[in-house]
C-alpha atoms as a PDB file:
ATOM      1  CA  UNK A   1      -0.235  -0.255  -0.010  1.00  0.00           C
ATOM      2  CA  UNK A   2       1.299   3.441  -0.712  1.00  0.00           C
ATOM      3  CA  UNK A   3       1.599   6.486   1.378  1.00  0.00           C
ATOM      4  CA  UNK A   4      -1.474   8.276  -0.768  1.00  0.00           C
ATOM      5  CA  UNK A   5      -3.448   5.296  -0.416  1.00  0.00           C
ATOM      6  CA  UNK A   6      -3.099   4.701   3.264  1.00  0.00           C
ATOM      7  CA  UNK A   7      -3.741   8.250   4.130  1.00  0.00           C
ATOM      8  CA  UNK A   8      -6.688   8.492   1.855  1.00  0.00           C
ATOM      9  CA  UNK A   9      -7.996   5.073   3.574  1.00  0.00           C
ATOM     10  CA  UNK A  10      -7.639   6.658   6.412  1.00  0.00           C
ATOM     11  CA  UNK A  11      -8.411   9.935   6.609  1.00  0.00           C
ATOM     12  CA  UNK A  12     -10.305  10.941   2.966  1.00  0.00           C
ATOM     13  CA  UNK A  13     -14.385  10.651   3.749  1.00  0.00           C
ATOM     14  CA  UNK A  14     -15.098  10.339  -0.610  1.00  0.00           C
ATOM     15  CA  UNK A  15     -18.761   9.181  -0.412  1.00  0.00           C
ATOM     16  CA  UNK A  16     -19.709  11.899   2.049  1.00  0.00           C
ATOM     17  CA  UNK A  17     -18.213  14.553   0.377  1.00  0.00           C
ATOM     18  CA  UNK A  18     -20.466  13.051  -2.635  1.00  0.00           C
ATOM     19  CA  UNK A  19     -23.059  13.369  -0.708  1.00  0.00           C
ATOM     20  CA  UNK A  20     -22.029  16.835   0.248  1.00  0.00           C
ATOM     21  CA  UNK A  21     -24.964  18.342  -1.881  1.00  0.00           C
ATOM     22  CA  UNK A  22     -27.576  16.110  -0.220  1.00  0.00           C
ATOM     23  CA  UNK A  23     -26.815  16.285   3.054  1.00  0.00           C
ATOM     24  CA  UNK A  24     -28.791  19.322   3.873  1.00  0.00           C
ATOM     25  CA  UNK A  25     -31.548  17.068   4.254  1.00  0.00           C
ATOM     26  CA  UNK A  26     -29.937  14.709   6.301  1.00  0.00           C
ATOM     27  CA  UNK A  27     -28.624  16.716   9.078  1.00  0.00           C
ATOM     28  CA  UNK A  28     -27.882  20.381  10.595  1.00  0.00           C
ATOM     29  CA  UNK A  29     -25.978  22.604   8.446  1.00  0.00           C
ATOM     30  CA  UNK A  30     -23.622  23.414  10.594  1.00  0.00           C
ATOM     31  CA  UNK A  31     -19.792  22.137  11.782  1.00  0.00           C
ATOM     32  CA  UNK A  32     -20.277  22.900  15.028  1.00  0.00           C
ATOM     33  CA  UNK A  33     -23.751  20.084  15.472  1.00  0.00           C
ATOM     34  CA  UNK A  34     -21.008  17.633  17.447  1.00  0.00           C
ATOM     35  CA  UNK A  35     -22.562  16.545  21.129  1.00  0.00           C
ATOM     36  CA  UNK A  36     -19.470  16.342  23.719  1.00  0.00           C
ATOM     37  CA  UNK A  37     -18.566  12.911  24.837  1.00  0.00           C
ATOM     38  CA  UNK A  38     -19.710  13.819  27.811  1.00  0.00           C
ATOM     39  CA  UNK A  39     -23.294  14.480  26.359  1.00  0.00           C
ATOM     40  CA  UNK A  40     -23.259  11.773  23.852  1.00  0.00           C
ATOM     41  CA  UNK A  41     -23.479   9.737  27.020  1.00  0.00           C
ATOM     42  CA  UNK A  42     -26.582  11.935  28.415  1.00  0.00           C
ATOM     43  CA  UNK A  43     -27.904  11.669  25.520  1.00  0.00           C
ATOM     44  CA  UNK A  44     -28.047   7.774  26.355  1.00  0.00           C
ATOM     45  CA  UNK A  45     -25.649   6.754  23.292  1.00  0.00           C
ATOM     46  CA  UNK A  46     -23.446   4.245  22.996  1.00  0.00           C
ATOM     47  CA  UNK A  47     -19.850   5.205  21.543  1.00  0.00           C
ATOM     48  CA  UNK A  48     -18.892   2.740  19.175  1.00  0.00           C
ATOM     49  CA  UNK A  49     -15.310   3.390  18.244  1.00  0.00           C
ATOM     50  CA  UNK A  50     -14.304   2.822  14.354  1.00  0.00           C
ATOM     51  CA  UNK A  51     -11.585   2.961  12.196  1.00  0.00           C
ATOM     52  CA  UNK A  52     -13.628   3.804   9.044  1.00  0.00           C
ATOM     53  CA  UNK A  53     -13.825   7.890   8.523  1.00  0.00           C
ATOM     54  CA  UNK A  54     -16.509   7.365   6.722  1.00  0.00           C
ATOM     55  CA  UNK A  55     -19.097   6.539   9.305  1.00  0.00           C
ATOM     56  CA  UNK A  56     -16.884   9.178  12.248  1.00  0.00           C
ATOM     57  CA  UNK A  57     -20.253  10.692  13.679  1.00  0.00           C
ATOM     58  CA  UNK A  58     -22.633   8.272  12.011  1.00  0.00           C
ATOM     59  CA  UNK A  59     -25.751   7.862  14.106  1.00  0.00           C
ATOM     60  CA  UNK A  60     -28.299   5.711  14.399  1.00  0.00           C
ATOM     61  CA  UNK A  61     -30.623   4.848  17.323  1.00  0.00           C
ATOM     62  CA  UNK A  62     -28.778   5.286  20.717  1.00  0.00           C
ATOM     63  CA  UNK A  63     -25.298   4.278  18.758  1.00  0.00           C
ATOM     64  CA  UNK A  64     -22.788   6.494  17.581  1.00  0.00           C
ATOM     65  CA  UNK A  65     -18.969   5.758  15.489  1.00  0.00           C
ATOM     66  CA  UNK A  66     -16.449   7.718  16.370  1.00  0.00           C
ATOM     67  CA  UNK A  67     -12.920   6.988  14.852  1.00  0.00           C
ATOM     68  CA  UNK A  68      -9.949   7.332  17.008  1.00  0.00           C
ATOM     69  CA  UNK A  69      -7.278  10.473  16.004  1.00  0.00           C
ATOM     70  CA  UNK A  70      -4.583   8.498  14.449  1.00  0.00           C
ATOM     71  CA  UNK A  71      -1.104   8.955  16.327  1.00  0.00           C
ATOM     72  CA  UNK A  72       0.807  10.879  13.690  1.00  0.00           C
ATOM     73  CA  UNK A  73      -2.061  13.656  13.266  1.00  0.00           C
ATOM     74  CA  UNK A  74      -0.563  15.368  16.741  1.00  0.00           C
ATOM     75  CA  UNK A  75       2.963  15.184  15.193  1.00  0.00           C
ATOM     76  CA  UNK A  76       4.349  18.690  13.971  1.00  0.00           C
ATOM     77  CA  UNK A  77       6.643  16.465  11.977  1.00  0.00           C
ATOM     78  CA  UNK A  78       3.749  15.094   9.655  1.00  0.00           C
ATOM     79  CA  UNK A  79       2.079  18.520   9.103  1.00  0.00           C
ATOM     80  CA  UNK A  80       5.204  19.801   8.395  1.00  0.00           C
ATOM     81  CA  UNK A  81       6.732  16.827   6.049  1.00  0.00           C
ATOM     82  CA  UNK A  82       4.151  16.096   4.345  1.00  0.00           C
ATOM     83  CA  UNK A  83       2.002  19.265   3.884  1.00  0.00           C
ATOM     84  CA  UNK A  84       4.420  21.647   3.895  1.00  0.00           C
ATOM     85  CA  UNK A  85       8.076  20.528   2.748  1.00  0.00           C
ATOM     86  CA  UNK A  86       8.835  20.802  -1.205  1.00  0.00           C
ATOM     87  CA  UNK A  87      10.057  17.352  -0.208  1.00  0.00           C
ATOM     88  CA  UNK A  88       6.744  16.027   0.658  1.00  0.00           C
ATOM     89  CA  UNK A  89       5.708  13.095  -1.978  1.00  0.00           C
ATOM     90  CA  UNK A  90       2.251  14.351  -2.085  1.00  0.00           C
ATOM     91  CA  UNK A  91       1.468  16.546  -4.808  1.00  0.00           C
ATOM     92  CA  UNK A  92      -0.254  19.616  -4.547  1.00  0.00           C
ATOM     93  CA  UNK A  93      -3.846  18.758  -5.369  1.00  0.00           C
ATOM     94  CA  UNK A  94      -3.679  15.672  -2.915  1.00  0.00           C
ATOM     95  CA  UNK A  95      -1.966  17.902  -0.310  1.00  0.00           C
ATOM     96  CA  UNK A  96      -5.032  19.447  -0.609  1.00  0.00           C
ATOM     97  CA  UNK A  97      -7.168  17.000  -0.881  1.00  0.00           C
ATOM     98  CA  UNK A  98      -5.785  14.562   2.273  1.00  0.00           C
ATOM     99  CA  UNK A  99      -5.011  17.998   4.269  1.00  0.00           C
ATOM    100  CA  UNK A 100      -8.522  19.487   4.101  1.00  0.00           C
ATOM    101  CA  UNK A 101      -9.770  15.860   5.478  1.00  0.00           C
ATOM    102  CA  UNK A 102      -7.351  15.776   8.522  1.00  0.00           C
ATOM    103  CA  UNK A 103      -8.042  19.473   9.315  1.00  0.00           C
ATOM    104  CA  UNK A 104     -12.115  18.804   9.069  1.00  0.00           C
ATOM    105  CA  UNK A 105     -11.183  15.527  11.143  1.00  0.00           C
ATOM    106  CA  UNK A 106      -8.989  16.895  14.125  1.00  0.00           C
ATOM    107  CA  UNK A 107     -11.584  20.001  14.153  1.00  0.00           C
ATOM    108  CA  UNK A 108     -14.321  17.584  14.815  1.00  0.00           C
ATOM    109  CA  UNK A 109     -12.256  16.273  18.141  1.00  0.00           C
ATOM    110  CA  UNK A 110     -12.909  20.569  18.818  1.00  0.00           C
ATOM    111  CA  UNK A 111     -15.974  20.002  19.687  1.00  0.00           C
ATOM    112  CA  UNK A 112     -15.998  15.971  21.327  1.00  0.00           C
ATOM    113  CA  UNK A 113     -13.907  17.050  23.966  1.00  0.00           C
ATOM    114  CA  UNK A 114     -14.322  19.873  25.430  1.00  0.00           C
ATOM    115  CA  UNK A 115     -14.082  19.317  29.235  1.00  0.00           C
ATOM    116  CA  UNK A 116     -11.314  17.087  31.490  1.00  0.00           C
ATOM    117  CA  UNK A 117     -14.499  14.597  31.883  1.00  0.00           C
ATOM    118  CA  UNK A 118     -14.498  14.282  27.709  1.00  0.00           C
ATOM    119  CA  UNK A 119     -11.135  14.216  27.639  1.00  0.00           C
ATOM    120  CA  UNK A 120     -11.154  10.583  30.267  1.00  0.00           C
ATOM    121  CA  UNK A 121     -13.346   9.734  29.014  1.00  0.00           C
ATOM    122  CA  UNK A 122     -11.624   9.806  25.462  1.00  0.00           C
ATOM    123  CA  UNK A 123      -8.904   8.774  27.169  1.00  0.00           C
ATOM    124  CA  UNK A 124     -11.152   5.422  28.571  1.00  0.00           C
ATOM    125  CA  UNK A 125     -12.268   4.752  24.612  1.00  0.00           C
ATOM    126  CA  UNK A 126      -8.350   4.850  23.238  1.00  0.00           C
ATOM    127  CA  UNK A 127     -10.057   7.340  21.410  1.00  0.00           C
ATOM    128  CA  UNK A 128      -6.123   9.374  21.354  1.00  0.00           C
ATOM    129  CA  UNK A 129      -2.948   8.408  22.659  1.00  0.00           C
ATOM    130  CA  UNK A 130      -3.028   7.432  26.358  1.00  0.00           C
ATOM    131  CA  UNK A 131       0.604   9.468  26.271  1.00  0.00           C
ATOM    132  CA  UNK A 132      -0.780  12.811  25.729  1.00  0.00           C
ATOM    133  CA  UNK A 133      -1.282  15.500  28.661  1.00  0.00           C
ATOM    134  CA  UNK A 134      -4.831  17.074  28.750  1.00  0.00           C
ATOM    135  CA  UNK A 135      -3.362  20.349  28.423  1.00  0.00           C
ATOM    136  CA  UNK A 136      -0.730  19.463  25.867  1.00  0.00           C
ATOM    137  CA  UNK A 137      -4.002  18.106  23.785  1.00  0.00           C
ATOM    138  CA  UNK A 138      -6.406  21.099  24.492  1.00  0.00           C
ATOM    139  CA  UNK A 139      -3.780  23.920  23.475  1.00  0.00           C
ATOM    140  CA  UNK A 140      -3.281  21.584  19.877  1.00  0.00           C
ATOM    141  CA  UNK A 141      -6.801  20.688  19.447  1.00  0.00           C
ATOM    142  CA  UNK A 142      -7.738  24.795  20.126  1.00  0.00           C
ATOM    143  CA  UNK A 143      -5.761  25.571  16.723  1.00  0.00           C
ATOM    144  CA  UNK A 144      -8.467  23.322  14.356  1.00  0.00           C
ATOM    145  CA  UNK A 145     -11.830  25.295  15.812  1.00  0.00           C
ATOM    146  CA  UNK A 146     -11.037  28.355  14.425  1.00  0.00           C
ATOM    147  CA  UNK A 147     -10.662  26.450  11.316  1.00  0.00           C
ATOM    148  CA  UNK A 148     -13.839  27.826   8.708  1.00  0.00           C
ATOM    149  CA  UNK A 149     -15.371  25.585   6.216  1.00  0.00           C
ATOM    150  CA  UNK A 150     -13.656  26.416   3.221  1.00  0.00           C
ATOM    151  CA  UNK A 151     -10.904  25.379   5.020  1.00  0.00           C
ATOM    152  CA  UNK A 152     -12.017  21.354   5.654  1.00  0.00           C
ATOM    153  CA  UNK A 153     -13.139  18.911   3.204  1.00  0.00           C
ATOM    154  CA  UNK A 154     -16.950  18.991   1.963  1.00  0.00           C
ATOM    155  CA  UNK A 155     -18.226  16.406   5.041  1.00  0.00           C
ATOM    156  CA  UNK A 156     -16.785  18.251   7.620  1.00  0.00           C
ATOM    157  CA  UNK A 157     -19.009  21.571   7.356  1.00  0.00           C
ATOM    158  CA  UNK A 158     -21.852  19.173   9.059  1.00  0.00           C
ATOM    159  CA  UNK A 159     -21.155  17.405  12.133  1.00  0.00           C
ATOM    160  CA  UNK A 160     -23.352  14.499  13.247  1.00  0.00           C
ATOM    161  CA  UNK A 161     -25.428  12.784  10.475  1.00  0.00           C
ATOM    162  CA  UNK A 162     -28.153  10.289  10.493  1.00  0.00           C
ATOM    163  CA  UNK A 163     -27.629   7.209   9.924  1.00  0.00           C
ATOM    164  CA  UNK A 164     -31.307   6.173   8.588  1.00  0.00           C
ATOM    165  CA  UNK A 165     -31.637   9.244   5.960  1.00  0.00           C
ATOM    166  CA  UNK A 166     -28.033   8.722   4.521  1.00  0.00           C
ATOM    167  CA  UNK A 167     -29.550   5.254   4.082  1.00  0.00           C
ATOM    168  CA  UNK A 168     -32.770   6.896   2.547  1.00  0.00           C
ATOM    169  CA  UNK A 169     -31.033   9.498   0.276  1.00  0.00           C
ATOM    170  CA  UNK A 170     -28.246   7.061  -0.481  1.00  0.00           C
ATOM    171  CA  UNK A 171     -30.098   6.584  -3.785  1.00  0.00           C
ATOM    172  CA  UNK A 172     -30.443   9.803  -5.135  1.00  0.00           C
ATOM    173  CA  UNK A 173     -27.038  11.094  -4.071  1.00  0.00           C
ATOM    174  CA  UNK A 174     -24.565   8.013  -4.725  1.00  0.00           C
ATOM    175  CA  UNK A 175     -26.624   5.656  -7.236  1.00  0.00           C
ATOM    176  CA  UNK A 176     -26.890   2.885  -4.358  1.00  0.00           C
ATOM    177  CA  UNK A 177     -29.344   1.421  -2.368  1.00  0.00           C
ATOM    178  CA  UNK A 178     -27.707   2.362   1.151  1.00  0.00           C
ATOM    179  CA  UNK A 179     -24.963   4.589   2.713  1.00  0.00           C
ATOM    180  CA  UNK A 180     -23.543   2.311   4.766  1.00  0.00           C
ATOM    181  CA  UNK A 181     -25.019  -1.177   5.918  1.00  0.00           C
ATOM    182  CA  UNK A 182     -25.958  -1.511   9.928  1.00  0.00           C
ATOM    183  CA  UNK A 183     -27.086  -4.682  10.394  1.00  0.00           C
ATOM    184  CA  UNK A 184     -26.530  -7.504   8.341  1.00  0.00           C
ATOM    185  CA  UNK A 185     -28.404 -10.142   9.340  1.00  0.00           C
ATOM    186  CA  UNK A 186     -31.562 -11.010   7.997  1.00  0.00           C
ATOM    187  CA  UNK A 187     -33.720 -11.193  10.861  1.00  0.00           C
ATOM    188  CA  UNK A 188     -32.509  -7.702  12.134  1.00  0.00           C
ATOM    189  CA  UNK A 189     -33.321  -6.079   8.609  1.00  0.00           C
ATOM    190  CA  UNK A 190     -37.113  -7.569   8.243  1.00  0.00           C
ATOM    191  CA  UNK A 191     -37.651  -7.038  11.789  1.00  0.00           C
ATOM    192  CA  UNK A 192     -37.686  -2.949  11.186  1.00  0.00           C
ATOM    193  CA  UNK A 193     -40.685  -3.497   8.729  1.00  0.00           C
ATOM    194  CA  UNK A 194     -42.639  -6.070  11.804  1.00  0.00           C
ATOM    195  CA  UNK A 195     -44.530  -3.130  13.170  1.00  0.00           C
ATOM    196  CA  UNK A 196     -45.494  -1.207   9.992  1.00  0.00           C
ATOM    197  CA  UNK A 197     -46.696  -4.354   8.135  1.00  0.00           C
ATOM    198  CA  UNK A 198     -48.722  -5.452  11.808  1.00  0.00           C
ATOM    199  CA  UNK A 199     -50.165  -1.807  11.252  1.00  0.00           C
ATOM    200  CA  UNK A 200     -51.584  -2.320   8.011  1.00  0.00           C
ATOM    201  CA  UNK A 201     -52.805  -5.519   8.366  1.00  0.00           C
ATOM    202  CA  UNK A 202     -54.829  -4.422  11.914  1.00  0.00           C
ATOM    203  CA  UNK A 203     -56.260  -1.823   9.912  1.00  0.00           C
ATOM    204  CA  UNK A 204     -57.669  -3.614   7.187  1.00  0.00           C
ATOM    205  CA  UNK A 205     -58.829  -6.252   9.734  1.00  0.00           C
ATOM    206  CA  UNK A 206     -61.003  -3.479  11.151  1.00  0.00           C
ATOM    207  CA  UNK A 207     -62.072  -2.713   7.974  1.00  0.00           C
ATOM    208  CA  UNK A 208     -63.290  -6.217   6.407  1.00  0.00           C
ATOM    209  CA  UNK A 209     -64.968  -6.733   9.551  1.00  0.00           C
ATOM    210  CA  UNK A 210     -66.801  -3.542   9.663  1.00  0.00           C
ATOM    211  CA  UNK A 211     -67.899  -4.066   6.800  1.00  0.00           C
ATOM    212  CA  UNK A 212     -69.089  -8.202   7.341  1.00  0.00           C
ATOM    213  CA  UNK A 213     -70.976  -6.529  10.195  1.00  0.00           C
ATOM    214  CA  UNK A 214     -72.348  -4.128   7.672  1.00  0.00           C
ATOM    215  CA  UNK A 215     -73.296  -7.326   4.776  1.00  0.00           C
ATOM    216  CA  UNK A 216     -74.567  -9.707   7.331  1.00  0.00           C
ATOM    217  CA  UNK A 217     -77.101  -6.790   9.030  1.00  0.00           C
ATOM    218  CA  UNK A 218     -78.225  -6.168   5.364  1.00  0.00           C
ATOM    219  CA  UNK A 219     -79.167  -9.905   4.936  1.00  0.00           C
ATOM    220  CA  UNK A 220     -80.564 -10.722   8.086  1.00  0.00           C
ATOM    221  CA  UNK A 221     -84.280 -11.293   8.424  1.00  0.00           C
ATOM    222  CA  UNK A 222     -86.064  -8.920  10.774  1.00  0.00           C
ATOM    223  CA  UNK A 223     -88.734 -11.486  12.552  1.00  0.00           C
ATOM    224  CA  UNK A 224     -89.125  -8.982  15.255  1.00  0.00           C
ATOM    225  CA  UNK A 225     -89.283  -5.180  15.631  1.00  0.00           C
ATOM    226  CA  UNK A 226     -86.320  -5.308  18.109  1.00  0.00           C
ATOM    227  CA  UNK A 227     -83.997  -6.844  14.761  1.00  0.00           C
ATOM    228  CA  UNK A 228     -84.945  -3.208  12.692  1.00  0.00           C
ATOM    229  CA  UNK A 229     -83.338  -1.334  15.950  1.00  0.00           C
ATOM    230  CA  UNK A 230     -80.303  -3.917  16.098  1.00  0.00           C
ATOM    231  CA  UNK A 231     -79.863  -3.684  11.954  1.00  0.00           C
ATOM    232  CA  UNK A 232     -79.587   0.300  12.558  1.00  0.00           C
ATOM    233  CA  UNK A 233     -77.497   0.246  15.558  1.00  0.00           C
ATOM    234  CA  UNK A 234     -75.091  -1.958  13.749  1.00  0.00           C
ATOM    235  CA  UNK A 235     -74.927   0.111  10.500  1.00  0.00           C
ATOM    236  CA  UNK A 236     -74.242   3.378  12.305  1.00  0.00           C
ATOM    237  CA  UNK A 237     -71.477   1.276  14.509  1.00  0.00           C
ATOM    238  CA  UNK A 238     -70.007   0.228  10.857  1.00  0.00           C
ATOM    239  CA  UNK A 239     -69.861   4.013   9.773  1.00  0.00           C
ATOM    240  CA  UNK A 240     -68.119   4.884  12.311  1.00  0.00           C
ATOM    241  CA  UNK A 241     -65.829   2.352  12.537  1.00  0.00           C
ATOM    242  CA  UNK A 242     -64.561   2.760   8.946  1.00  0.00           C
ATOM    243  CA  UNK A 243     -64.718   6.694   9.592  1.00  0.00           C
ATOM    244  CA  UNK A 244     -62.354   6.135  12.619  1.00  0.00           C
ATOM    245  CA  UNK A 245     -60.111   3.680  10.853  1.00  0.00           C
ATOM    246  CA  UNK A 246     -60.061   6.915   7.771  1.00  0.00           C
ATOM    247  CA  UNK A 247     -59.547   9.543  10.159  1.00  0.00           C
ATOM    248  CA  UNK A 248     -56.745   7.583  12.130  1.00  0.00           C
ATOM    249  CA  UNK A 249     -55.024   7.477   8.744  1.00  0.00           C
ATOM    250  CA  UNK A 250     -55.243  10.896   7.643  1.00  0.00           C
ATOM    251  CA  UNK A 251     -54.448  12.000  11.217  1.00  0.00           C
ATOM    252  CA  UNK A 252     -50.760  10.251  10.836  1.00  0.00           C
ATOM    253  CA  UNK A 253     -50.517  10.975   7.112  1.00  0.00           C
ATOM    254  CA  UNK A 254     -50.800  14.253   8.356  1.00  0.00           C
ATOM    255  CA  UNK A 255     -48.566  14.518  11.247  1.00  0.00           C
ATOM    256  CA  UNK A 256     -46.009  13.061   9.288  1.00  0.00           C
ATOM    257  CA  UNK A 257     -45.961  15.253   6.444  1.00  0.00           C
ATOM    258  CA  UNK A 258     -46.158  18.447   8.532  1.00  0.00           C
ATOM    259  CA  UNK A 259     -43.364  16.520  10.174  1.00  0.00           C
ATOM    260  CA  UNK A 260     -41.416  15.990   7.154  1.00  0.00           C
ATOM    261  CA  UNK A 261     -42.202  19.822   5.586  1.00  0.00           C
ATOM    262  CA  UNK A 262     -41.344  21.081   8.629  1.00  0.00           C
ATOM    263  CA  UNK A 263     -37.823  19.959   8.459  1.00  0.00           C
ATOM    264  CA  UNK A 264     -37.559  20.742   4.866  1.00  0.00           C
ATOM    265  CA  UNK A 265     -38.706  23.960   6.073  1.00  0.00           C
ATOM    266  CA  UNK A 266     -35.577  24.778   8.742  1.00  0.00           C
ATOM    267  CA  UNK A 267     -33.306  22.902   6.512  1.00  0.00           C
ATOM    268  CA  UNK A 268     -33.901  25.338   3.710  1.00  0.00           C
ATOM    269  CA  UNK A 269     -33.862  28.230   6.293  1.00  0.00           C
ATOM    270  CA  UNK A 270     -30.414  27.405   7.306  1.00  0.00           C
ATOM    271  CA  UNK A 271     -29.143  26.682   3.726  1.00  0.00           C
ATOM    272  CA  UNK A 272     -30.608  30.278   2.813  1.00  0.00           C
ATOM    273  CA  UNK A 273     -28.830  32.109   6.065  1.00  0.00           C
ATOM    274  CA  UNK A 274     -25.509  29.813   5.426  1.00  0.00           C
ATOM    275  CA  UNK A 275     -25.757  31.590   1.788  1.00  0.00           C
ATOM    276  CA  UNK A 276     -26.192  35.219   2.957  1.00  0.00           C
ATOM    277  CA  UNK A 277     -23.834  34.869   5.224  1.00  0.00           C
ATOM    278  CA  UNK A 278     -20.833  33.574   2.296  1.00  0.00           C
ATOM    279  CA  UNK A 279     -22.024  36.471   0.456  1.00  0.00           C
ATOM    280  CA  UNK A 280     -21.657  38.518   3.234  1.00  0.00           C
ATOM    281  CA  UNK A 281     -18.149  37.426   3.372  1.00  0.00           C
END
């Protein structure tokens, strides 16, 4: 493996960079939208350590993936030789691409580690090298917090991203079925559909039962006046049941559309604000 391919594998996020024009539909349009490690615990999230830079700060349900800081990124000699030295094996384009990815990655840690308690958690999870002291790390990482979005790769103009939404929009952005397969087992994959399927079957069962009652009442022979009253009650109950089912469906549909439109409105508002800010600069 060449040095270039190693650094690309360790730091680059080509899929998310390609995804960039769709990310406003996936997450908050702010690179600072990253909860500190202690806040991740408060929110009940389990931190899963992953060496894959593509899923760094990607979360689903109560799980968030975080990539540890490679030891070489904390070395001044590494930055000086590979990104500023004329004898660097990287050409100018490679320096910009990999350098932006590395700076964006380190900037994310300026938000993940805010306090001494965050630093302790990072040490326990082996997210940062054991030898570094808290004061040294804070002094180093704060330099990256000042970076603007134009100085990092496209992915790092966003913070945490939701895996469910990435998988949903992957067909449009990446032209494939999902961004990252969270669960490889068939049982777990199909389990996510059980609730909606049972809900739909329950609706159809209720509708069919209501229709059956209505048809049975219509065909009944009313030999006594009391049966006429019963038939009328059954007809009314059938209509009420059908109306209730339709109403529930409409309410759920309206709630879903309202929530979706609110998210789209919020995302568009953020996008317009960022454009105005860029125009002023």
